[in-house]
Amino acid sequence: SSGTIADRILALFDLIAGSATIESWKGCPFMRSTSEFADNREHPVFSISQDHKKRMEVWLADCLTRAGIAAPRDKARQLIVLLDGAVMTVFLHRDPDYARQTAKVALLLLENAEK
């Protein structure tokens, strides 16, 4: 809750990077569960997962708004894609550098945001 918006965003990617070498880490349970029911879009797991992901997006947009970042909703969506992509790639390869490299892209988004 403290620090700059960049610090907060970096902390998210640090969490992902830190998970890479935890043998019991299985990635994002929301993405895993929805993929298990891909043929049944009416399954409750879709609405539960969508709700969770949307709440994360709204939280990010709120943080970006408070930080004075322009187009906070757009930036939040961009960051969600980066975060989810980092989770999946780090889970697949078990290499924390994917999260670290993606964090650099996230910082570029913030640096290039008009305030």
C-alpha atoms as a PDB file:
ATOM      1  CA  SER A   1       0.000   0.000   0.000  1.00  0.00           C
ATOM      2  CA  SER A   2       2.976   2.317   0.282  1.00  0.00           C
ATOM      3  CA  GLY A   3       5.532   3.461  -2.268  1.00  0.00           C
ATOM      4  CA  THR A   4       5.152   4.804  -5.752  1.00  0.00           C
ATOM      5  CA  ILE A   5       2.899   3.229  -8.331  1.00  0.00           C
ATOM      6  CA  ALA A   6       6.017   1.826 -10.009  1.00  0.00           C
ATOM      7  CA  ASP A   7       7.057   0.239  -6.696  1.00  0.00           C
ATOM      8  CA  ARG A   8       3.641  -1.338  -6.313  1.00  0.00           C
ATOM      9  CA  ILE A   9       3.596  -2.709  -9.852  1.00  0.00           C
ATOM     10  CA  LEU A  10       7.142  -4.044  -9.499  1.00  0.00           C
ATOM     11  CA  ALA A  11       6.108  -5.786  -6.282  1.00  0.00           C
ATOM     12  CA  LEU A  12       3.475  -7.744  -8.225  1.00  0.00           C
ATOM     13  CA  PHE A  13       6.066  -8.953 -10.722  1.00  0.00           C
ATOM     14  CA  ASP A  14       8.454  -9.727  -7.861  1.00  0.00           C
ATOM     15  CA  LEU A  15       5.791 -12.000  -6.363  1.00  0.00           C
ATOM     16  CA  ILE A  16       5.500 -13.822  -9.662  1.00  0.00           C
ATOM     17  CA  ALA A  17       9.283 -14.103  -9.992  1.00  0.00           C
ATOM     18  CA  GLY A  18       9.543 -15.394  -6.444  1.00  0.00           C
ATOM     19  CA  SER A  19       7.017 -18.122  -7.167  1.00  0.00           C
ATOM     20  CA  ALA A  20       9.054 -19.579 -10.036  1.00  0.00           C
ATOM     21  CA  THR A  21      11.184 -21.833  -7.879  1.00  0.00           C
ATOM     22  CA  ILE A  22       8.479 -22.898  -5.427  1.00  0.00           C
ATOM     23  CA  GLU A  23       7.823 -26.457  -6.485  1.00  0.00           C
ATOM     24  CA  SER A  24       4.249 -26.465  -5.171  1.00  0.00           C
ATOM     25  CA  TRP A  25       3.291 -23.269  -7.081  1.00  0.00           C
ATOM     26  CA  LYS A  26       0.816 -24.073  -9.806  1.00  0.00           C
ATOM     27  CA  GLY A  27       0.353 -20.676 -11.424  1.00  0.00           C
ATOM     28  CA  CYS A  28      -2.963 -18.865 -11.419  1.00  0.00           C
ATOM     29  CA  PRO A  29      -5.820 -21.015 -10.125  1.00  0.00           C
ATOM     30  CA  PHE A  30      -8.346 -18.876 -12.009  1.00  0.00           C
ATOM     31  CA  MET A  31      -6.667 -19.408 -15.374  1.00  0.00           C
ATOM     32  CA  ARG A  32      -6.135 -23.105 -14.641  1.00  0.00           C
ATOM     33  CA  SER A  33      -9.727 -23.699 -13.626  1.00  0.00           C
ATOM     34  CA  THR A  34     -11.224 -21.889 -16.610  1.00  0.00           C
ATOM     35  CA  SER A  35      -9.036 -23.856 -19.003  1.00  0.00           C
ATOM     36  CA  GLU A  36     -10.304 -27.084 -17.434  1.00  0.00           C
ATOM     37  CA  PHE A  37     -13.876 -26.103 -18.321  1.00  0.00           C
ATOM     38  CA  ALA A  38     -13.167 -24.492 -21.710  1.00  0.00           C
ATOM     39  CA  ASP A  39     -15.931 -26.547 -23.344  1.00  0.00           C
ATOM     40  CA  ASN A  40     -18.528 -25.450 -20.779  1.00  0.00           C
ATOM     41  CA  ARG A  41     -18.632 -21.636 -20.691  1.00  0.00           C
ATOM     42  CA  GLU A  42     -21.759 -21.817 -18.529  1.00  0.00           C
ATOM     43  CA  HIS A  43     -19.798 -23.386 -15.670  1.00  0.00           C
ATOM     44  CA  PRO A  44     -19.675 -21.119 -12.572  1.00  0.00           C
ATOM     45  CA  VAL A  45     -15.874 -21.115 -12.691  1.00  0.00           C
ATOM     46  CA  PHE A  46     -16.049 -18.616 -15.569  1.00  0.00           C
ATOM     47  CA  SER A  47     -18.054 -16.017 -13.678  1.00  0.00           C
ATOM     48  CA  ILE A  48     -15.939 -16.518 -10.548  1.00  0.00           C
ATOM     49  CA  SER A  49     -12.704 -16.124 -12.512  1.00  0.00           C
ATOM     50  CA  GLN A  50     -14.001 -13.163 -14.498  1.00  0.00           C
ATOM     51  CA  ASP A  51     -15.080 -11.462 -11.288  1.00  0.00           C
ATOM     52  CA  HIS A  52     -11.664 -11.969  -9.701  1.00  0.00           C
ATOM     53  CA  LYS A  53      -9.791 -10.709 -12.760  1.00  0.00           C
ATOM     54  CA  LYS A  54     -12.120  -7.713 -13.115  1.00  0.00           C
ATOM     55  CA  ARG A  55     -11.646  -6.781  -9.445  1.00  0.00           C
ATOM     56  CA  MET A  56      -7.881  -6.884  -9.964  1.00  0.00           C
ATOM     57  CA  GLU A  57      -8.239  -4.642 -13.014  1.00  0.00           C
ATOM     58  CA  VAL A  58     -10.416  -2.161 -11.094  1.00  0.00           C
ATOM     59  CA  TRP A  59      -7.925  -2.142  -8.210  1.00  0.00           C
ATOM     60  CA  LEU A  60      -5.062  -1.421 -10.619  1.00  0.00           C
ATOM     61  CA  ALA A  61      -7.047   1.349 -12.324  1.00  0.00           C
ATOM     62  CA  ASP A  62      -7.753   2.901  -8.934  1.00  0.00           C
ATOM     63  CA  CYS A  63      -4.055   2.790  -8.003  1.00  0.00           C
ATOM     64  CA  LEU A  64      -3.134   4.350 -11.343  1.00  0.00           C
ATOM     65  CA  THR A  65      -5.789   7.046 -10.950  1.00  0.00           C
ATOM     66  CA  ARG A  66      -4.501   7.973  -7.502  1.00  0.00           C
ATOM     67  CA  ALA A  67      -0.971   8.112  -8.935  1.00  0.00           C
ATOM     68  CA  GLY A  68      -2.100  10.579 -11.608  1.00  0.00           C
ATOM     69  CA  ILE A  69      -1.483   8.227 -14.527  1.00  0.00           C
ATOM     70  CA  ALA A  70      -3.431   9.146 -17.660  1.00  0.00           C
ATOM     71  CA  ALA A  71      -5.904   6.627 -19.111  1.00  0.00           C
ATOM     72  CA  PRO A  72      -5.837   4.482 -15.966  1.00  0.00           C
ATOM     73  CA  ARG A  73      -8.417   1.978 -17.225  1.00  0.00           C
ATOM     74  CA  ASP A  74      -6.443   1.355 -20.409  1.00  0.00           C
ATOM     75  CA  LYS A  75      -3.182   1.038 -18.476  1.00  0.00           C
ATOM     76  CA  ALA A  76      -4.819  -1.344 -16.004  1.00  0.00           C
ATOM     77  CA  ARG A  77      -5.916  -3.604 -18.853  1.00  0.00           C
ATOM     78  CA  GLN A  78      -2.437  -3.534 -20.347  1.00  0.00           C
ATOM     79  CA  LEU A  79      -0.931  -4.410 -16.989  1.00  0.00           C
ATOM     80  CA  ILE A  80      -3.397  -7.267 -16.428  1.00  0.00           C
ATOM     81  CA  VAL A  81      -2.338  -8.832 -19.716  1.00  0.00           C
ATOM     82  CA  LEU A  82       1.319  -8.445 -18.757  1.00  0.00           C
ATOM     83  CA  LEU A  83       0.732  -9.929 -15.304  1.00  0.00           C
ATOM     84  CA  ASP A  84      -1.273 -12.886 -16.591  1.00  0.00           C
ATOM     85  CA  GLY A  85       1.261 -13.497 -19.350  1.00  0.00           C
ATOM     86  CA  ALA A  86       4.097 -13.402 -16.844  1.00  0.00           C
ATOM     87  CA  VAL A  87       2.314 -15.880 -14.569  1.00  0.00           C
ATOM     88  CA  MET A  88       1.754 -18.360 -17.385  1.00  0.00           C
ATOM     89  CA  THR A  89       5.265 -18.056 -18.820  1.00  0.00           C
ATOM     90  CA  VAL A  90       6.997 -18.223 -15.442  1.00  0.00           C
ATOM     91  CA  PHE A  91       4.865 -21.246 -14.547  1.00  0.00           C
ATOM     92  CA  LEU A  92       5.721 -22.952 -17.833  1.00  0.00           C
ATOM     93  CA  HIS A  93       9.470 -22.340 -17.731  1.00  0.00           C
ATOM     94  CA  ARG A  94      10.024 -21.940 -13.967  1.00  0.00           C
ATOM     95  CA  ASP A  95      12.321 -19.046 -14.785  1.00  0.00           C
ATOM     96  CA  PRO A  96      11.854 -15.833 -12.752  1.00  0.00           C
ATOM     97  CA  ASP A  97      13.587 -13.778 -15.439  1.00  0.00           C
ATOM     98  CA  TYR A  98      10.389 -13.807 -17.507  1.00  0.00           C
ATOM     99  CA  ALA A  99       8.653 -11.862 -14.734  1.00  0.00           C
ATOM    100  CA  ARG A 100      11.612  -9.501 -14.389  1.00  0.00           C
ATOM    101  CA  GLN A 101      11.663  -8.782 -18.116  1.00  0.00           C
ATOM    102  CA  THR A 102       7.905  -8.250 -18.198  1.00  0.00           C
ATOM    103  CA  ALA A 103       8.244  -5.834 -15.265  1.00  0.00           C
ATOM    104  CA  LYS A 104      10.499  -3.711 -17.468  1.00  0.00           C
ATOM    105  CA  VAL A 105       7.718  -3.470 -20.041  1.00  0.00           C
ATOM    106  CA  ALA A 106       5.254  -2.509 -17.308  1.00  0.00           C
ATOM    107  CA  LEU A 107       7.566   0.283 -16.172  1.00  0.00           C
ATOM    108  CA  LEU A 108       7.801   1.569 -19.734  1.00  0.00           C
ATOM    109  CA  LEU A 109       3.998   1.768 -19.820  1.00  0.00           C
ATOM    110  CA  LEU A 110       4.032   3.871 -16.679  1.00  0.00           C
ATOM    111  CA  GLU A 111       6.946   6.055 -17.770  1.00  0.00           C
ATOM    112  CA  ASN A 112       5.308   6.827 -21.099  1.00  0.00           C
ATOM    113  CA  ALA A 113       1.926   7.620 -19.556  1.00  0.00           C
ATOM    114  CA  GLU A 114       0.973  11.253 -19.853  1.00  0.00           C
ATOM    115  CA  LYS A 115       0.172  12.682 -16.474  1.00  0.00           C
END
